Every structure is written in C-alpha cells, then in structure tokens.
C-alpha cells in the first residue's frame, strides 16, 4: 500500500486532538482499517518528513444517526494516534499572511 492509501485524513477539529497536539506532540489520523502500526509509522514519516516514536490504534464504532424519519448507522473506522519525536511538528495550517 502507498502512504496516501494508509493515511486518509488528519483529525484536527476536536478539543482532545488540539490538546494532544500542543502538550504531548501527538497527532490523530483516520487510517485504512487494515493498516498496521508499522505501516502507519512509515506512512507518516514518508508523507510529512517527521520522526515517529509511537503509534496507538483504535477502532471507532459508527454512531447511530437520524436521517429524516428513519435511522442510519455510520461506518466503523480506524483511528491512529501518532507520537512525534522531540522537536518535530506537523503544520497543517500555515500561520501568517
């Protein structure tokens, strides 16, 4: 698998993700459900050019949502919390201008 297939999108808009990014050098990503920790580590290092010290994964169960009168269930997905090496940082939004 290519790194672009493993890392689907970063998780940036939650308070917990923001706190982890600032204090603990951890970044959260939505990843492919069949990706393992070694593949996730190499994909983050290849895509962002940073060092990774640890990878924690978990499966997130899809929530029950109302759609009009009926109910629907969102898909289950896999989340990875990646700890970066000291001094490394991933900038998703550039400050300035």
C-alpha atoms as a PDB file:
ATOM      1  CA  UNK A   1       0.000   0.000   0.000  1.00  0.00           C
ATOM      2  CA  UNK A   2       1.078   3.551  -0.699  1.00  0.00           C
ATOM      3  CA  UNK A   3       1.313   6.116   2.138  1.00  0.00           C
ATOM      4  CA  UNK A   4      -1.598   8.048   0.606  1.00  0.00           C
ATOM      5  CA  UNK A   5      -3.782   4.935   0.859  1.00  0.00           C
ATOM      6  CA  UNK A   6      -2.915   4.356   4.535  1.00  0.00           C
ATOM      7  CA  UNK A   7      -3.405   7.893   5.912  1.00  0.00           C
ATOM      8  CA  UNK A   8      -6.893   9.078   4.987  1.00  0.00           C
ATOM      9  CA  UNK A   9      -7.195  12.398   6.830  1.00  0.00           C
ATOM     10  CA  UNK A  10      -5.989  14.157   9.976  1.00  0.00           C
ATOM     11  CA  UNK A  11      -8.369  14.688  12.884  1.00  0.00           C
ATOM     12  CA  UNK A  12      -7.957  18.349  13.828  1.00  0.00           C
ATOM     13  CA  UNK A  13     -11.235  19.817  14.992  1.00  0.00           C
ATOM     14  CA  UNK A  14     -11.743  18.158  18.363  1.00  0.00           C
ATOM     15  CA  UNK A  15     -10.645  19.649  21.664  1.00  0.00           C
ATOM     16  CA  UNK A  16      -8.849  16.459  22.669  1.00  0.00           C
ATOM     17  CA  UNK A  17      -6.876  16.363  19.395  1.00  0.00           C
ATOM     18  CA  UNK A  18      -5.863  20.018  19.817  1.00  0.00           C
ATOM     19  CA  UNK A  19      -4.736  19.419  23.416  1.00  0.00           C
ATOM     20  CA  UNK A  20      -2.707  16.360  22.397  1.00  0.00           C
ATOM     21  CA  UNK A  21      -1.028  18.297  19.571  1.00  0.00           C
ATOM     22  CA  UNK A  22       0.015  21.140  21.867  1.00  0.00           C
ATOM     23  CA  UNK A  23       1.087  19.324  25.031  1.00  0.00           C
ATOM     24  CA  UNK A  24       2.033  15.768  24.119  1.00  0.00           C
ATOM     25  CA  UNK A  25       3.282  16.040  20.492  1.00  0.00           C
ATOM     26  CA  UNK A  26       0.557  13.641  19.357  1.00  0.00           C
ATOM     27  CA  UNK A  27      -1.368  13.865  16.091  1.00  0.00           C
ATOM     28  CA  UNK A  28      -4.522  11.865  15.281  1.00  0.00           C
ATOM     29  CA  UNK A  29      -5.322  10.444  11.850  1.00  0.00           C
ATOM     30  CA  UNK A  30      -8.096   8.432  10.271  1.00  0.00           C
ATOM     31  CA  UNK A  31      -6.346   5.459   8.667  1.00  0.00           C
ATOM     32  CA  UNK A  32      -7.200   2.488   6.490  1.00  0.00           C
ATOM     33  CA  UNK A  33      -8.926  -0.237   8.520  1.00  0.00           C
ATOM     34  CA  UNK A  34      -6.439  -2.926   7.504  1.00  0.00           C
ATOM     35  CA  UNK A  35      -3.272  -0.869   8.166  1.00  0.00           C
ATOM     36  CA  UNK A  36      -0.985  -1.949  10.998  1.00  0.00           C
ATOM     37  CA  UNK A  37       1.215   0.198  13.262  1.00  0.00           C
ATOM     38  CA  UNK A  38       4.398  -0.349  11.229  1.00  0.00           C
ATOM     39  CA  UNK A  39       2.680   0.748   8.008  1.00  0.00           C
ATOM     40  CA  UNK A  40       1.167   3.800   9.725  1.00  0.00           C
ATOM     41  CA  UNK A  41       4.561   4.829  11.144  1.00  0.00           C
ATOM     42  CA  UNK A  42       6.323   4.577   7.779  1.00  0.00           C
ATOM     43  CA  UNK A  43       3.474   6.409   6.007  1.00  0.00           C
ATOM     44  CA  UNK A  44       3.565   9.374   8.427  1.00  0.00           C
ATOM     45  CA  UNK A  45       7.362   9.592   8.167  1.00  0.00           C
ATOM     46  CA  UNK A  46       7.211   9.468   4.359  1.00  0.00           C
ATOM     47  CA  UNK A  47       4.357  11.963   3.909  1.00  0.00           C
ATOM     48  CA  UNK A  48       5.316  14.579   6.500  1.00  0.00           C
ATOM     49  CA  UNK A  49       9.078  14.098   6.939  1.00  0.00           C
ATOM     50  CA  UNK A  50       8.946  13.764  10.732  1.00  0.00           C
ATOM     51  CA  UNK A  51      10.178  11.152  13.201  1.00  0.00           C
ATOM     52  CA  UNK A  52       7.645   8.917  14.943  1.00  0.00           C
ATOM     53  CA  UNK A  53       8.289   7.391  18.378  1.00  0.00           C
ATOM     54  CA  UNK A  54       4.969   5.581  18.999  1.00  0.00           C
ATOM     55  CA  UNK A  55       1.718   4.659  17.275  1.00  0.00           C
ATOM     56  CA  UNK A  56      -1.501   3.772  19.096  1.00  0.00           C
ATOM     57  CA  UNK A  57      -4.501   2.490  17.140  1.00  0.00           C
ATOM     58  CA  UNK A  58      -8.156   2.043  17.971  1.00  0.00           C
ATOM     59  CA  UNK A  59     -11.343   1.194  16.171  1.00  0.00           C
ATOM     60  CA  UNK A  60     -14.139   3.741  16.411  1.00  0.00           C
ATOM     61  CA  UNK A  61     -17.651   2.376  16.169  1.00  0.00           C
ATOM     62  CA  UNK A  62     -20.063   4.188  13.860  1.00  0.00           C
ATOM     63  CA  UNK A  63     -22.757   6.248  15.518  1.00  0.00           C
ATOM     64  CA  UNK A  64     -26.495   5.922  15.105  1.00  0.00           C
ATOM     65  CA  UNK A  65     -27.869   8.994  13.274  1.00  0.00           C
ATOM     66  CA  UNK A  66     -31.339  10.182  12.365  1.00  0.00           C
ATOM     67  CA  UNK A  67     -31.975  10.724   8.693  1.00  0.00           C
ATOM     68  CA  UNK A  68     -35.451  12.221   8.312  1.00  0.00           C
ATOM     69  CA  UNK A  69     -37.889   9.759   9.857  1.00  0.00           C
ATOM     70  CA  UNK A  70     -35.517   6.828   9.757  1.00  0.00           C
ATOM     71  CA  UNK A  71     -32.265   5.920  11.404  1.00  0.00           C
ATOM     72  CA  UNK A  72     -28.916   5.184   9.803  1.00  0.00           C
ATOM     73  CA  UNK A  73     -25.647   3.891  11.152  1.00  0.00           C
ATOM     74  CA  UNK A  74     -22.352   5.499  10.184  1.00  0.00           C
ATOM     75  CA  UNK A  75     -19.432   3.282   9.209  1.00  0.00           C
ATOM     76  CA  UNK A  76     -16.880   1.963  11.680  1.00  0.00           C
ATOM     77  CA  UNK A  77     -13.395   3.436  11.149  1.00  0.00           C
ATOM     78  CA  UNK A  78      -9.856   3.155  12.467  1.00  0.00           C
ATOM     79  CA  UNK A  79      -8.015   5.936  14.285  1.00  0.00           C
ATOM     80  CA  UNK A  80      -4.270   6.238  14.887  1.00  0.00           C
ATOM     81  CA  UNK A  81      -2.644   8.495  17.487  1.00  0.00           C
ATOM     82  CA  UNK A  82       0.961   9.140  16.449  1.00  0.00           C
ATOM     83  CA  UNK A  83       3.567  10.496  18.900  1.00  0.00           C
ATOM     84  CA  UNK A  84       6.235  12.619  17.199  1.00  0.00           C
ATOM     85  CA  UNK A  85       9.897  12.870  18.161  1.00  0.00           C
ATOM     86  CA  UNK A  86      11.072  15.789  20.277  1.00  0.00           C
ATOM     87  CA  UNK A  87      11.381  18.909  18.105  1.00  0.00           C
ATOM     88  CA  UNK A  88       9.286  17.572  15.193  1.00  0.00           C
ATOM     89  CA  UNK A  89       5.970  19.162  14.303  1.00  0.00           C
ATOM     90  CA  UNK A  90       3.404  18.813  11.543  1.00  0.00           C
ATOM     91  CA  UNK A  91       1.959  22.143  10.384  1.00  0.00           C
ATOM     92  CA  UNK A  92      -1.452  21.630   8.806  1.00  0.00           C
ATOM     93  CA  UNK A  93      -2.256  25.342   8.680  1.00  0.00           C
ATOM     94  CA  UNK A  94       0.443  27.916   7.952  1.00  0.00           C
ATOM     95  CA  UNK A  95       0.418  30.951  10.228  1.00  0.00           C
ATOM     96  CA  UNK A  96       0.762  34.436   8.832  1.00  0.00           C
ATOM     97  CA  UNK A  97      -0.404  36.138   5.648  1.00  0.00           C
END
